[in-house]
Amino acid sequence: MTAIPKPSSLPQGFIPVMLTPFFENGDVDYDGLKTLTDFYIEAGAAGLFANCLSSEMFELSEDERIAVTQTVVDQVAGRVPVVATGTFGGPIAEQADFVKRIYQTGIQAVIVISGLVAAEDESDQVFLERAQELIALTEAIPLGFYECPVPYKRLINSDILAQLLKSGRIVYHKDTCLDDVEVARRLEVAKGYEFGLYDAYMVNAVSSLRAGAAGLSCIQGNIYPELVVWICKHFNDPEKQGEVQKVQQFFVDTMDIVHAAYPIIAKYSLQKRGFPISLFTRRDVGILTSDLTVRMDTLLGQVEQLQEELGIAGIFDKYLIK
């Protein structure tokens, strides 16, 4: 392997969980992925999370996972850091091998799926021992953890996180505990480390940011990224607390619709706003019904109005489908 730089924390702000564009025949649309990569950056993303659940990583082949990640890294060309999932089950030694392989694409950190380190019926101690084994087998590669809901959601409590942080290698955590008190505990044990917690739960967006979270890493960024970027910048601005409260409430009010038939509904919302992306999705996530599209159309109207009130410039005009 090439020399591995010392782990360092990722930037503060919004790190989107990237979609994967497909052609209607199901093939990955790599040119579309390049355009989407630029779109996230132009929206204000501080980094990118490629090859994640929103990317339909479990429906990609091993070679596609590498190719998708490599495409993103090449298109980014150093503008922002990129992280990507690098564990997909099996013995820890096999997981470590793929961690090394995907790291060679040029990403800043490899993300470990917590639910693939230990089975649902196995203890936290088993999880910790295997996670430490994975860390030991992956040289000095910077790592992160992702409390992914698939195959099941294994939460990494603050006590376990404190043990993992001692390696000095954990730089990213995509948090899905949905508990602002536990988020605060995790941030407390992480003090002094090159580590960033990025909350996925937008109901707690402002509270997590105020507690010291590095940013947000949420599916809403695939529907209204401008608002996620805005809240990361202004959550603590004393002159904008009225607007902050209004945007936070909007996140709460729209939780249900953004999760319905996801990621199809996210691709629909981007398409509706003018971005050239197919609705094709490999994952079986249900049907995008006419009722859902009507509700999303209403939401997108609210997004446009809210952005006008906040003075957020549009980013979709250059992508408008001709």
Foldseek 3Di string as FASTA:
>chain_A
DDDADQAFAFFFEEAEADAFFADPVGHTPLVLLLVVLVLLVVLPHQEYEYLDVNNVNVLDDLVVSLVSLLSSCVSCVPVHAYEYEQADADQLLVSLVSLQVSVVSPGQEYEYEQCRQDPPPDDPVSSLVSVVVSCVSNPQGAYEYEQDPPVHGDAQFLVSLLVVCVVLRYREYEDDPLDLVRLLSNVVSCPPGSHAYAYAQLLCQLSSVVSPHSAHYYLCCLQQVNLRRVCSVCSPPPVCVVLNVVSSVLSVVCVPLSQQLPPLVSQVNLVVLAADGDSDDPDPRDDCDPVSVVVSVVSVVVSVVSCVVVVNDDDRVVRHDD
